[in-house]
Amino acid sequence: QAVWMLDFLGSWMGLPFTGMTAYMFQDSLPLFTRFLSFFH
């Protein structure tokens, strides 16, 4: 999950680490679903 956290922060800044959290920034995915997944 530390890898997930790094990738999320990197993707947020436009520098993805692995790309595993790209779905968290996809508008096609409901915001509520992404909110729940933020537990990672």
Full PDB file with SEQRES, HELIX, SHEET, SSBOND, CRYST1, ORIGX, SCALE, CONECT and MASTER records, all heavy atoms in Angstrom:
SEQRES   1 A   40  GLN ALA VAL TRP MET LEU ASP PHE LEU GLY SER TRP MET          
SEQRES   2 A   40  GLY LEU PRO PHE THR GLY MET THR ALA TYR MET PHE GLN          
SEQRES   3 A   40  ASP SER LEU PRO LEU PHE THR ARG PHE LEU SER PHE PHE          
SEQRES   4 A   40  HIS                                                          
HELIX    1 AA1 ALA A    2  TRP A   12  1                                  11    
HELIX    2 AA2 ALA A   22  PHE A   25  5                                   4    
HELIX    3 AA3 LEU A   31  SER A   37  1                                   7    
CRYST1    1.000    1.000    1.000  90.00  90.00  90.00 P 1           1          
ORIGX1      1.000000  0.000000  0.000000        0.00000                         
ORIGX2      0.000000  1.000000  0.000000        0.00000                         
ORIGX3      0.000000  0.000000  1.000000        0.00000                         
SCALE1      1.000000  0.000000  0.000000        0.00000                         
SCALE2      0.000000  1.000000  0.000000        0.00000                         
SCALE3      0.000000  0.000000  1.000000        0.00000                         
ATOM      1  N   GLN A   1       0.811  -1.211   0.000  1.00  0.00           N  
ATOM      2  CA  GLN A   1       0.000   0.000   0.000  1.00  0.00           C  
ATOM      3  C   GLN A   1       0.846   1.263   0.000  1.00  0.00           C  
ATOM      4  O   GLN A   1       0.398   2.308  -0.459  1.00  0.00           O  
ATOM      5  CB  GLN A   1      -0.948  -0.001   1.194  1.00  0.00           C  
ATOM      6  CG  GLN A   1      -1.996  -1.100   1.149  1.00  0.00           C  
ATOM      7  CD  GLN A   1      -2.793  -1.091  -0.152  1.00  0.00           C  
ATOM      8  OE1 GLN A   1      -2.658  -1.991  -0.961  1.00  0.00           O  
ATOM      9  NE2 GLN A   1      -3.595  -0.077  -0.368  1.00  0.00           N  
ATOM     10  N   ALA A   2       2.080   1.176   0.470  1.00  0.00           N  
ATOM     11  CA  ALA A   2       2.980   2.323   0.344  1.00  0.00           C  
ATOM     12  C   ALA A   2       3.246   2.622  -1.125  1.00  0.00           C  
ATOM     13  O   ALA A   2       3.351   3.791  -1.528  1.00  0.00           O  
ATOM     14  CB  ALA A   2       4.287   2.043   1.086  1.00  0.00           C  
ATOM     15  N   VAL A   3       3.349   1.568  -1.938  1.00  0.00           N  
ATOM     16  CA  VAL A   3       3.511   1.760  -3.385  1.00  0.00           C  
ATOM     17  C   VAL A   3       2.276   2.436  -3.957  1.00  0.00           C  
ATOM     18  O   VAL A   3       2.372   3.341  -4.805  1.00  0.00           O  
ATOM     19  CB  VAL A   3       3.786   0.406  -4.075  1.00  0.00           C  
ATOM     20  CG1 VAL A   3       3.882   0.588  -5.584  1.00  0.00           C  
ATOM     21  CG2 VAL A   3       5.068  -0.219  -3.532  1.00  0.00           C  
ATOM     22  N   TRP A   4       1.089   1.998  -3.499  1.00  0.00           N  
ATOM     23  CA  TRP A   4      -0.165   2.613  -3.960  1.00  0.00           C  
ATOM     24  C   TRP A   4      -0.173   4.099  -3.598  1.00  0.00           C  
ATOM     25  O   TRP A   4      -0.541   4.948  -4.416  1.00  0.00           O  
ATOM     26  CB  TRP A   4      -1.342   1.906  -3.314  1.00  0.00           C  
ATOM     27  CG  TRP A   4      -2.680   2.148  -3.956  1.00  0.00           C  
ATOM     28  CD1 TRP A   4      -3.328   1.342  -4.844  1.00  0.00           C  
ATOM     29  CD2 TRP A   4      -3.540   3.294  -3.752  1.00  0.00           C  
ATOM     30  NE1 TRP A   4      -4.534   1.902  -5.200  1.00  0.00           N  
ATOM     31  CE2 TRP A   4      -4.688   3.106  -4.544  1.00  0.00           C  
ATOM     32  CE3 TRP A   4      -3.443   4.441  -2.977  1.00  0.00           C  
ATOM     33  CZ2 TRP A   4      -5.732   4.015  -4.579  1.00  0.00           C  
ATOM     34  CZ3 TRP A   4      -4.488   5.376  -3.026  1.00  0.00           C  
ATOM     35  CH2 TRP A   4      -5.611   5.155  -3.817  1.00  0.00           C  
ATOM     36  N   MET A   5       0.221   4.409  -2.391  1.00  0.00           N  
ATOM     37  CA  MET A   5       0.230   5.806  -1.940  1.00  0.00           C  
ATOM     38  C   MET A   5       1.191   6.647  -2.777  1.00  0.00           C  
ATOM     39  O   MET A   5       0.855   7.774  -3.193  1.00  0.00           O  
ATOM     40  CB  MET A   5       0.617   5.868  -0.467  1.00  0.00           C  
ATOM     41  CG  MET A   5      -0.377   5.192   0.459  1.00  0.00           C  
ATOM     42  SD  MET A   5       0.268   4.969   2.142  1.00  0.00           S  
ATOM     43  CE  MET A   5       0.227   6.664   2.740  1.00  0.00           C  
ATOM     44  N   LEU A   6       2.371   6.114  -3.033  1.00  0.00           N  
ATOM     45  CA  LEU A   6       3.337   6.852  -3.852  1.00  0.00           C  
ATOM     46  C   LEU A   6       2.812   7.082  -5.259  1.00  0.00           C  
ATOM     47  O   LEU A   6       2.973   8.166  -5.824  1.00  0.00           O  
ATOM     48  CB  LEU A   6       4.662   6.085  -3.898  1.00  0.00           C  
ATOM     49  CG  LEU A   6       5.512   6.103  -2.627  1.00  0.00           C  
ATOM     50  CD1 LEU A   6       6.709   5.172  -2.782  1.00  0.00           C  
ATOM     51  CD2 LEU A   6       5.992   7.529  -2.329  1.00  0.00           C  
ATOM     52  N   ASP A   7       2.189   6.055  -5.820  1.00  0.00           N  
ATOM     53  CA  ASP A   7       1.670   6.201  -7.176  1.00  0.00           C  
ATOM     54  C   ASP A   7       0.517   7.200  -7.210  1.00  0.00           C  
ATOM     55  O   ASP A   7       0.404   7.990  -8.158  1.00  0.00           O  
ATOM     56  CB  ASP A   7       1.205   4.845  -7.715  1.00  0.00           C  
ATOM     57  CG  ASP A   7       0.873   4.907  -9.187  1.00  0.00           C  
ATOM     58  OD1 ASP A   7       1.810   4.976 -10.003  1.00  0.00           O  
ATOM     59  OD2 ASP A   7      -0.330   4.910  -9.543  1.00  0.00           O  
ATOM     60  N   PHE A   8      -0.326   7.180  -6.196  1.00  0.00           N  
ATOM     61  CA  PHE A   8      -1.433   8.144  -6.155  1.00  0.00           C  
ATOM     62  C   PHE A   8      -0.907   9.569  -6.087  1.00  0.00           C  
ATOM     63  O   PHE A   8      -1.354  10.450  -6.837  1.00  0.00           O  
ATOM     64  CB  PHE A   8      -2.332   7.844  -4.957  1.00  0.00           C  
ATOM     65  CG  PHE A   8      -3.465   8.807  -4.807  1.00  0.00           C  
ATOM     66  CD1 PHE A   8      -4.642   8.633  -5.512  1.00  0.00           C  
ATOM     67  CD2 PHE A   8      -3.348   9.907  -3.959  1.00  0.00           C  
ATOM     68  CE1 PHE A   8      -5.699   9.539  -5.381  1.00  0.00           C  
ATOM     69  CE2 PHE A   8      -4.391  10.817  -3.824  1.00  0.00           C  
ATOM     70  CZ  PHE A   8      -5.566  10.630  -4.534  1.00  0.00           C  
ATOM     71  N   LEU A   9       0.035   9.809  -5.187  1.00  0.00           N  
ATOM     72  CA  LEU A   9       0.592  11.154  -5.064  1.00  0.00           C  
ATOM     73  C   LEU A   9       1.325  11.570  -6.337  1.00  0.00           C  
ATOM     74  O   LEU A   9       1.209  12.713  -6.789  1.00  0.00           O  
ATOM     75  CB  LEU A   9       1.526  11.221  -3.860  1.00  0.00           C  
ATOM     76  CG  LEU A   9       0.874  11.055  -2.485  1.00  0.00           C  
ATOM     77  CD1 LEU A   9       1.940  10.993  -1.383  1.00  0.00           C  
ATOM     78  CD2 LEU A   9      -0.112  12.181  -2.209  1.00  0.00           C  
ATOM     79  N   GLY A  10       2.069  10.620  -6.917  1.00  0.00           N  
ATOM     80  CA  GLY A  10       2.764  10.921  -8.163  1.00  0.00           C  
ATOM     81  C   GLY A  10       1.804  11.211  -9.294  1.00  0.00           C  
ATOM     82  O   GLY A  10       2.007  12.154 -10.082  1.00  0.00           O  
ATOM     83  N   SER A  11       0.739  10.419  -9.408  1.00  0.00           N  
ATOM     84  CA  SER A  11      -0.261  10.646 -10.461  1.00  0.00           C  
ATOM     85  C   SER A  11      -0.963  11.975 -10.255  1.00  0.00           C  
ATOM     86  O   SER A  11      -1.295  12.674 -11.224  1.00  0.00           O  
ATOM     87  CB  SER A  11      -1.276   9.501 -10.463  1.00  0.00           C  
ATOM     88  OG  SER A  11      -0.650   8.270 -10.749  1.00  0.00           O  
ATOM     89  N   TRP A  12      -1.208  12.316  -9.016  1.00  0.00           N  
ATOM     90  CA  TRP A  12      -1.844  13.599  -8.700  1.00  0.00           C  
ATOM     91  C   TRP A  12      -0.984  14.761  -9.189  1.00  0.00           C  
ATOM     92  O   TRP A  12      -1.500  15.792  -9.646  1.00  0.00           O  
ATOM     93  CB  TRP A  12      -2.070  13.677  -7.199  1.00  0.00           C  
ATOM     94  CG  TRP A  12      -2.843  14.864  -6.727  1.00  0.00           C  
ATOM     95  CD1 TRP A  12      -3.841  15.533  -7.391  1.00  0.00           C  
ATOM     96  CD2 TRP A  12      -2.694  15.526  -5.469  1.00  0.00           C  
ATOM     97  NE1 TRP A  12      -4.327  16.562  -6.636  1.00  0.00           N  
ATOM     98  CE2 TRP A  12      -3.641  16.591  -5.449  1.00  0.00           C  
ATOM     99  CE3 TRP A  12      -1.876  15.313  -4.365  1.00  0.00           C  
ATOM    100  CZ2 TRP A  12      -3.766  17.442  -4.356  1.00  0.00           C  
ATOM    101  CZ3 TRP A  12      -2.009  16.162  -3.274  1.00  0.00           C  
ATOM    102  CH2 TRP A  12      -2.939  17.214  -3.280  1.00  0.00           C  
ATOM    103  N   MET A  13       0.345  14.586  -9.130  1.00  0.00           N  
ATOM    104  CA  MET A  13       1.260  15.642  -9.567  1.00  0.00           C  
ATOM    105  C   MET A  13       1.693  15.459 -11.022  1.00  0.00           C  
ATOM    106  O   MET A  13       2.566  16.162 -11.509  1.00  0.00           O  
ATOM    107  CB  MET A  13       2.490  15.665  -8.654  1.00  0.00           C  
ATOM    108  CG  MET A  13       2.168  16.048  -7.215  1.00  0.00           C  
ATOM    109  SD  MET A  13       3.645  16.143  -6.149  1.00  0.00           S  
ATOM    110  CE  MET A  13       4.086  14.410  -6.046  1.00  0.00           C  
ATOM    111  N   GLY A  14       1.092  14.483 -11.713  1.00  0.00           N  
ATOM    112  CA  GLY A  14       1.429  14.245 -13.108  1.00  0.00           C  
ATOM    113  C   GLY A  14       2.663  13.410 -13.315  1.00  0.00           C  
ATOM    114  O   GLY A  14       3.190  13.355 -14.434  1.00  0.00           O  
ATOM    115  N   LEU A  15       3.127  12.736 -12.257  1.00  0.00           N  
ATOM    116  CA  LEU A  15       4.318  11.889 -12.344  1.00  0.00           C  
ATOM    117  C   LEU A  15       4.005  10.513 -11.761  1.00  0.00           C  
ATOM    118  O   LEU A  15       4.435  10.177 -10.651  1.00  0.00           O  
ATOM    119  CB  LEU A  15       5.492  12.529 -11.583  1.00  0.00           C  
ATOM    120  CG  LEU A  15       5.957  13.900 -12.084  1.00  0.00           C  
ATOM    121  CD1 LEU A  15       6.946  14.515 -11.091  1.00  0.00           C  
ATOM    122  CD2 LEU A  15       6.586  13.773 -13.463  1.00  0.00           C  
ATOM    123  N   PRO A  16       3.222   9.705 -12.489  1.00  0.00           N  
ATOM    124  CA  PRO A  16       2.840   8.390 -11.955  1.00  0.00           C  
ATOM    125  C   PRO A  16       4.053   7.503 -11.714  1.00  0.00           C  
ATOM    126  O   PRO A  16       5.020   7.527 -12.464  1.00  0.00           O  
ATOM    127  CB  PRO A  16       1.921   7.817 -13.038  1.00  0.00           C  
ATOM    128  CG  PRO A  16       2.282   8.559 -14.278  1.00  0.00           C  
ATOM    129  CD  PRO A  16       2.694   9.931 -13.841  1.00  0.00           C  
ATOM    130  N   PHE A  17       3.990   6.750 -10.634  1.00  0.00           N  
ATOM    131  CA  PHE A  17       5.080   5.865 -10.231  1.00  0.00           C  
ATOM    132  C   PHE A  17       4.955   4.508 -10.917  1.00  0.00           C  
ATOM    133  O   PHE A  17       5.908   4.007 -11.512  1.00  0.00           O  
ATOM    134  CB  PHE A  17       5.068   5.719  -8.709  1.00  0.00           C  
ATOM    135  CG  PHE A  17       6.166   4.860  -8.154  1.00  0.00           C  
ATOM    136  CD1 PHE A  17       7.496   5.171  -8.382  1.00  0.00           C  
ATOM    137  CD2 PHE A  17       5.871   3.734  -7.403  1.00  0.00           C  
ATOM    138  CE1 PHE A  17       8.514   4.374  -7.870  1.00  0.00           C  
ATOM    139  CE2 PHE A  17       6.875   2.929  -6.879  1.00  0.00           C  
ATOM    140  CZ  PHE A  17       8.197   3.256  -7.123  1.00  0.00           C  
ATOM    141  N   THR A  18       3.790   3.891 -10.855  1.00  0.00           N  
ATOM    142  CA  THR A  18       3.542   2.610 -11.528  1.00  0.00           C  
ATOM    143  C   THR A  18       2.337   2.655 -12.445  1.00  0.00           C  
ATOM    144  O   THR A  18       2.201   1.803 -13.310  1.00  0.00           O  
ATOM    145  CB  THR A  18       3.304   1.488 -10.488  1.00  0.00           C  
ATOM    146  OG1 THR A  18       2.080   1.758  -9.778  1.00  0.00           O  
ATOM    147  CG2 THR A  18       4.460   1.402  -9.503  1.00  0.00           C  
ATOM    148  N   GLY A  19       1.454   3.613 -12.255  1.00  0.00           N  
ATOM    149  CA  GLY A  19       0.223   3.675 -13.042  1.00  0.00           C  
ATOM    150  C   GLY A  19      -0.922   2.891 -12.432  1.00  0.00           C  
ATOM    151  O   GLY A  19      -2.028   2.875 -12.982  1.00  0.00           O  
ATOM    152  N   MET A  20      -0.708   2.264 -11.257  1.00  0.00           N  
ATOM    153  CA  MET A  20      -1.735   1.415 -10.679  1.00  0.00           C  
ATOM    154  C   MET A  20      -2.925   2.208 -10.134  1.00  0.00           C  
ATOM    155  O   MET A  20      -3.997   1.636  -9.902  1.00  0.00           O  
ATOM    156  CB  MET A  20      -1.129   0.551  -9.557  1.00  0.00           C  
ATOM    157  CG  MET A  20      -0.633   1.329  -8.370  1.00  0.00           C  
ATOM    158  SD  MET A  20       0.349   0.340  -7.200  1.00  0.00           S  
ATOM    159  CE  MET A  20      -0.741  -1.003  -6.832  1.00  0.00           C  
ATOM    160  N   THR A  21      -2.755   3.509  -9.921  1.00  0.00           N  
ATOM    161  CA  THR A  21      -3.859   4.316  -9.401  1.00  0.00           C  
ATOM    162  C   THR A  21      -4.459   5.218 -10.466  1.00  0.00           C  
ATOM    163  O   THR A  21      -5.189   6.157 -10.138  1.00  0.00           O  
ATOM    164  CB  THR A  21      -3.389   5.178  -8.220  1.00  0.00           C  
ATOM    165  OG1 THR A  21      -2.382   6.099  -8.682  1.00  0.00           O  
ATOM    166  CG2 THR A  21      -2.808   4.324  -7.106  1.00  0.00           C  
ATOM    167  N   ALA A  22      -4.213   4.930 -11.719  1.00  0.00           N  
ATOM    168  CA  ALA A  22      -4.737   5.786 -12.784  1.00  0.00           C  
ATOM    169  C   ALA A  22      -6.260   5.864 -12.735  1.00  0.00           C  
ATOM    170  O   ALA A  22      -6.852   6.902 -13.066  1.00  0.00           O  
ATOM    171  CB  ALA A  22      -4.274   5.263 -14.144  1.00  0.00           C  
ATOM    172  N   TYR A  23      -6.899   4.773 -12.301  1.00  0.00           N  
ATOM    173  CA  TYR A  23      -8.365   4.753 -12.252  1.00  0.00           C  
ATOM    174  C   TYR A  23      -8.923   5.800 -11.290  1.00  0.00           C  
ATOM    175  O   TYR A  23     -10.077   6.243 -11.440  1.00  0.00           O  
ATOM    176  CB  TYR A  23      -8.852   3.359 -11.850  1.00  0.00           C  
ATOM    177  CG  TYR A  23      -8.581   2.987 -10.410  1.00  0.00           C  
ATOM    178  CD1 TYR A  23      -9.563   3.178  -9.429  1.00  0.00           C  
ATOM    179  CD2 TYR A  23      -7.355   2.448 -10.008  1.00  0.00           C  
ATOM    180  CE1 TYR A  23      -9.323   2.844  -8.101  1.00  0.00           C  
ATOM    181  CE2 TYR A  23      -7.120   2.112  -8.694  1.00  0.00           C  
ATOM    182  CZ  TYR A  23      -8.091   2.306  -7.738  1.00  0.00           C  
ATOM    183  OH  TYR A  23      -7.848   1.979  -6.435  1.00  0.00           O  
ATOM    184  N   MET A  24      -8.122   6.208 -10.309  1.00  0.00           N  
ATOM    185  CA  MET A  24      -8.597   7.183  -9.336  1.00  0.00           C  
ATOM    186  C   MET A  24      -8.779   8.562  -9.957  1.00  0.00           C  
ATOM    187  O   MET A  24      -9.402   9.443  -9.349  1.00  0.00           O  
ATOM    188  CB  MET A  24      -7.612   7.271  -8.168  1.00  0.00           C  
ATOM    189  CG  MET A  24      -7.564   6.030  -7.297  1.00  0.00           C  
ATOM    190  SD  MET A  24      -9.081   5.778  -6.347  1.00  0.00           S  
ATOM    191  CE  MET A  24      -8.993   7.098  -5.142  1.00  0.00           C  
ATOM    192  N   PHE A  25      -8.261   8.774 -11.151  1.00  0.00           N  
ATOM    193  CA  PHE A  25      -8.349  10.072 -11.814  1.00  0.00           C  
ATOM    194  C   PHE A  25      -9.166  10.005 -13.098  1.00  0.00           C  
ATOM    195  O   PHE A  25      -9.121  10.940 -13.902  1.00  0.00           O  
ATOM    196  CB  PHE A  25      -6.937  10.585 -12.104  1.00  0.00           C  
ATOM    197  CG  PHE A  25      -6.085  10.709 -10.862  1.00  0.00           C  
ATOM    198  CD1 PHE A  25      -5.271   9.660 -10.451  1.00  0.00           C  
ATOM    199  CD2 PHE A  25      -6.112  11.865 -10.102  1.00  0.00           C  
ATOM    200  CE1 PHE A  25      -4.496   9.760  -9.308  1.00  0.00           C  
ATOM    201  CE2 PHE A  25      -5.334  11.979  -8.951  1.00  0.00           C  
ATOM    202  CZ  PHE A  25      -4.526  10.925  -8.550  1.00  0.00           C  
ATOM    203  N   GLN A  26      -9.919   8.919 -13.264  1.00  0.00           N  
ATOM    204  CA  GLN A  26     -10.761   8.754 -14.446  1.00  0.00           C  
ATOM    205  C   GLN A  26     -12.164   9.265 -14.155  1.00  0.00           C  
ATOM    206  O   GLN A  26     -12.848   8.768 -13.255  1.00  0.00           O  
ATOM    207  CB  GLN A  26     -10.816   7.277 -14.855  1.00  0.00           C  
ATOM    208  CG  GLN A  26      -9.495   6.732 -15.368  1.00  0.00           C  
ATOM    209  CD  GLN A  26      -9.553   5.245 -15.670  1.00  0.00           C  
ATOM    210  OE1 GLN A  26     -10.571   4.588 -15.447  1.00  0.00           O  
ATOM    211  NE2 GLN A  26      -8.463   4.710 -16.186  1.00  0.00           N  
ATOM    212  N   ASP A  27     -12.597  10.265 -14.923  1.00  0.00           N  
ATOM    213  CA  ASP A  27     -13.926  10.840 -14.716  1.00  0.00           C  
ATOM    214  C   ASP A  27     -15.033   9.847 -15.032  1.00  0.00           C  
ATOM    215  O   ASP A  27     -16.168  10.012 -14.559  1.00  0.00           O  
ATOM    216  CB  ASP A  27     -14.099  12.092 -15.577  1.00  0.00           C  
ATOM    217  CG  ASP A  27     -13.173  13.216 -15.132  1.00  0.00           C  
ATOM    218  OD1 ASP A  27     -12.788  13.220 -13.946  1.00  0.00           O  
ATOM    219  OD2 ASP A  27     -12.836  14.072 -15.971  1.00  0.00           O  
ATOM    220  N   SER A  28     -14.712   8.811 -15.829  1.00  0.00           N  
ATOM    221  CA  SER A  28     -15.726   7.816 -16.163  1.00  0.00           C  
ATOM    222  C   SER A  28     -16.110   6.958 -14.962  1.00  0.00           C  
ATOM    223  O   SER A  28     -17.172   6.337 -14.940  1.00  0.00           O  
ATOM    224  CB  SER A  28     -15.222   6.909 -17.296  1.00  0.00           C  
ATOM    225  OG  SER A  28     -14.012   6.260 -16.920  1.00  0.00           O  
ATOM    226  N   LEU A  29     -15.254   6.929 -13.957  1.00  0.00           N  
ATOM    227  CA  LEU A  29     -15.533   6.165 -12.742  1.00  0.00           C  
ATOM    228  C   LEU A  29     -16.255   7.082 -11.758  1.00  0.00           C  
ATOM    229  O   LEU A  29     -15.810   8.206 -11.515  1.00  0.00           O  
ATOM    230  CB  LEU A  29     -14.229   5.665 -12.127  1.00  0.00           C  
ATOM    231  CG  LEU A  29     -14.328   4.569 -11.069  1.00  0.00           C  
ATOM    232  CD1 LEU A  29     -14.858   3.269 -11.685  1.00  0.00           C  
ATOM    233  CD2 LEU A  29     -12.961   4.323 -10.432  1.00  0.00           C  
ATOM    234  N   PRO A  30     -17.391   6.639 -11.201  1.00  0.00           N  
ATOM    235  CA  PRO A  30     -18.137   7.509 -10.279  1.00  0.00           C  
ATOM    236  C   PRO A  30     -17.259   8.006  -9.139  1.00  0.00           C  
ATOM    237  O   PRO A  30     -16.413   7.286  -8.611  1.00  0.00           O  
ATOM    238  CB  PRO A  30     -19.254   6.591  -9.762  1.00  0.00           C  
ATOM    239  CG  PRO A  30     -19.435   5.560 -10.833  1.00  0.00           C  
ATOM    240  CD  PRO A  30     -18.063   5.344 -11.423  1.00  0.00           C  
ATOM    241  N   LEU A  31     -17.485   9.248  -8.758  1.00  0.00           N  
ATOM    242  CA  LEU A  31     -16.695   9.854  -7.687  1.00  0.00           C  
ATOM    243  C   LEU A  31     -16.865   9.085  -6.379  1.00  0.00           C  
ATOM    244  O   LEU A  31     -15.906   8.936  -5.605  1.00  0.00           O  
ATOM    245  CB  LEU A  31     -17.111  11.315  -7.506  1.00  0.00           C  
ATOM    246  CG  LEU A  31     -16.345  12.121  -6.450  1.00  0.00           C  
ATOM    247  CD1 LEU A  31     -14.868  12.191  -6.803  1.00  0.00           C  
ATOM    248  CD2 LEU A  31     -16.948  13.529  -6.325  1.00  0.00           C  
ATOM    249  N   PHE A  32     -18.061   8.563  -6.134  1.00  0.00           N  
ATOM    250  CA  PHE A  32     -18.293   7.813  -4.891  1.00  0.00           C  
ATOM    251  C   PHE A  32     -17.454   6.539  -4.868  1.00  0.00           C  
ATOM    252  O   PHE A  32     -16.918   6.168  -3.814  1.00  0.00           O  
ATOM    253  CB  PHE A  32     -19.779   7.470  -4.761  1.00  0.00           C  
ATOM    254  CG  PHE A  32     -20.111   6.763  -3.475  1.00  0.00           C  
ATOM    255  CD1 PHE A  32     -20.024   7.418  -2.267  1.00  0.00           C  
ATOM    256  CD2 PHE A  32     -20.513   5.431  -3.497  1.00  0.00           C  
ATOM    257  CE1 PHE A  32     -20.334   6.764  -1.077  1.00  0.00           C  
ATOM    258  CE2 PHE A  32     -20.818   4.767  -2.319  1.00  0.00           C  
ATOM    259  CZ  PHE A  32     -20.731   5.437  -1.097  1.00  0.00           C  
ATOM    260  N   THR A  33     -17.325   5.885  -6.008  1.00  0.00           N  
ATOM    261  CA  THR A  33     -16.498   4.689  -6.088  1.00  0.00           C  
ATOM    262  C   THR A  33     -15.049   5.021  -5.782  1.00  0.00           C  
ATOM    263  O   THR A  33     -14.360   4.294  -5.050  1.00  0.00           O  
ATOM    264  CB  THR A  33     -16.601   4.064  -7.486  1.00  0.00           C  
ATOM    265  OG1 THR A  33     -17.975   3.738  -7.755  1.00  0.00           O  
ATOM    266  CG2 THR A  33     -15.763   2.799  -7.591  1.00  0.00           C  
ATOM    267  N   ARG A  34     -14.577   6.129  -6.318  1.00  0.00           N  
ATOM    268  CA  ARG A  34     -13.192   6.541  -6.060  1.00  0.00           C  
ATOM    269  C   ARG A  34     -13.014   6.958  -4.606  1.00  0.00           C  
ATOM    270  O   ARG A  34     -11.945   6.728  -4.016  1.00  0.00           O  
ATOM    271  CB  ARG A  34     -12.809   7.675  -7.007  1.00  0.00           C  
ATOM    272  CG  ARG A  34     -12.609   7.208  -8.461  1.00  0.00           C  
ATOM    273  CD  ARG A  34     -12.245   8.356  -9.362  1.00  0.00           C  
ATOM    274  NE  ARG A  34     -13.404   9.116  -9.762  1.00  0.00           N  
ATOM    275  CZ  ARG A  34     -13.370  10.331 -10.304  1.00  0.00           C  
ATOM    276  NH1 ARG A  34     -12.204  10.945 -10.452  1.00  0.00           N  
ATOM    277  NH2 ARG A  34     -14.475  10.940 -10.664  1.00  0.00           N  
ATOM    278  N   PHE A  35     -14.040   7.554  -4.018  1.00  0.00           N  
ATOM    279  CA  PHE A  35     -13.977   7.906  -2.601  1.00  0.00           C  
ATOM    280  C   PHE A  35     -13.803   6.653  -1.743  1.00  0.00           C  
ATOM    281  O   PHE A  35     -12.976   6.618  -0.822  1.00  0.00           O  
ATOM    282  CB  PHE A  35     -15.244   8.652  -2.196  1.00  0.00           C  
ATOM    283  CG  PHE A  35     -15.455   8.718  -0.712  1.00  0.00           C  
ATOM    284  CD1 PHE A  35     -14.716   9.583   0.079  1.00  0.00           C  
ATOM    285  CD2 PHE A  35     -16.405   7.897  -0.108  1.00  0.00           C  
ATOM    286  CE1 PHE A  35     -14.910   9.631   1.454  1.00  0.00           C  
ATOM    287  CE2 PHE A  35     -16.604   7.945   1.270  1.00  0.00           C  
ATOM    288  CZ  PHE A  35     -15.858   8.810   2.053  1.00  0.00           C  
ATOM    289  N   LEU A  36     -14.563   5.609  -2.035  1.00  0.00           N  
ATOM    290  CA  LEU A  36     -14.430   4.363  -1.276  1.00  0.00           C  
ATOM    291  C   LEU A  36     -13.049   3.749  -1.479  1.00  0.00           C  
ATOM    292  O   LEU A  36     -12.431   3.255  -0.530  1.00  0.00           O  
ATOM    293  CB  LEU A  36     -15.517   3.372  -1.708  1.00  0.00           C  
ATOM    294  CG  LEU A  36     -16.960   3.725  -1.322  1.00  0.00           C  
ATOM    295  CD1 LEU A  36     -17.909   2.660  -1.857  1.00  0.00           C  
ATOM    296  CD2 LEU A  36     -17.115   3.867   0.187  1.00  0.00           C  
ATOM    297  N   SER A  37     -12.564   3.783  -2.709  1.00  0.00           N  
ATOM    298  CA  SER A  37     -11.263   3.175  -2.991  1.00  0.00           C  
ATOM    299  C   SER A  37     -10.112   3.927  -2.360  1.00  0.00           C  
ATOM    300  O   SER A  37      -9.005   3.380  -2.241  1.00  0.00           O  
ATOM    301  CB  SER A  37     -11.047   3.092  -4.512  1.00  0.00           C  
ATOM    302  OG  SER A  37      -9.912   2.323  -4.830  1.00  0.00           O  
ATOM    303  N   PHE A  38     -10.365   5.141  -1.911  1.00  0.00           N  
ATOM    304  CA  PHE A  38      -9.299   5.914  -1.275  1.00  0.00           C  
ATOM    305  C   PHE A  38      -8.865   5.299   0.056  1.00  0.00           C  
ATOM    306  O   PHE A  38      -7.854   5.714   0.629  1.00  0.00           O  
ATOM    307  CB  PHE A  38      -9.758   7.364  -1.072  1.00  0.00           C  
ATOM    308  CG  PHE A  38      -8.652   8.303  -0.687  1.00  0.00           C  
ATOM    309  CD1 PHE A  38      -7.610   8.588  -1.570  1.00  0.00           C  
ATOM    310  CD2 PHE A  38      -8.625   8.894   0.569  1.00  0.00           C  
ATOM    311  CE1 PHE A  38      -6.583   9.447  -1.211  1.00  0.00           C  
ATOM    312  CE2 PHE A  38      -7.603   9.755   0.933  1.00  0.00           C  
ATOM    313  CZ  PHE A  38      -6.585  10.034   0.039  1.00  0.00           C  
ATOM    314  N   PHE A  39      -9.592   4.271   0.518  1.00  0.00           N  
ATOM    315  CA  PHE A  39      -9.147   3.604   1.740  1.00  0.00           C  
ATOM    316  C   PHE A  39      -7.767   2.980   1.558  1.00  0.00           C  
ATOM    317  O   PHE A  39      -7.053   2.755   2.541  1.00  0.00           O  
ATOM    318  CB  PHE A  39     -10.159   2.542   2.186  1.00  0.00           C  
ATOM    319  CG  PHE A  39     -10.006   1.187   1.529  1.00  0.00           C  
ATOM    320  CD1 PHE A  39      -9.116   0.251   2.036  1.00  0.00           C  
ATOM    321  CD2 PHE A  39     -10.756   0.845   0.416  1.00  0.00           C  
ATOM    322  CE1 PHE A  39      -8.975  -1.007   1.452  1.00  0.00           C  
ATOM    323  CE2 PHE A  39     -10.639  -0.400  -0.174  1.00  0.00           C  
ATOM    324  CZ  PHE A  39      -9.734  -1.338   0.337  1.00  0.00           C  
ATOM    325  N   HIS A  40      -7.368   2.703   0.310  1.00  0.00           N  
ATOM    326  CA  HIS A  40      -6.021   2.186   0.074  1.00  0.00           C  
ATOM    327  C   HIS A  40      -4.955   3.160   0.563  1.00  0.00           C  
ATOM    328  O   HIS A  40      -3.840   2.740   0.920  1.00  0.00           O  
ATOM    329  CB  HIS A  40      -5.809   1.932  -1.428  1.00  0.00           C  
ATOM    330  CG  HIS A  40      -6.649   0.828  -1.981  1.00  0.00           C  
ATOM    331  ND1 HIS A  40      -7.917   1.038  -2.458  1.00  0.00           N  
ATOM    332  CD2 HIS A  40      -6.400  -0.502  -2.127  1.00  0.00           C  
ATOM    333  CE1 HIS A  40      -8.419  -0.112  -2.894  1.00  0.00           C  
ATOM    334  NE2 HIS A  40      -7.525  -1.057  -2.695  1.00  0.00           N  
TER     335      HIS A  40                                                      
MASTER        0    0    0    3    0    0    0    6  334    1    0    4          
END                                                                             
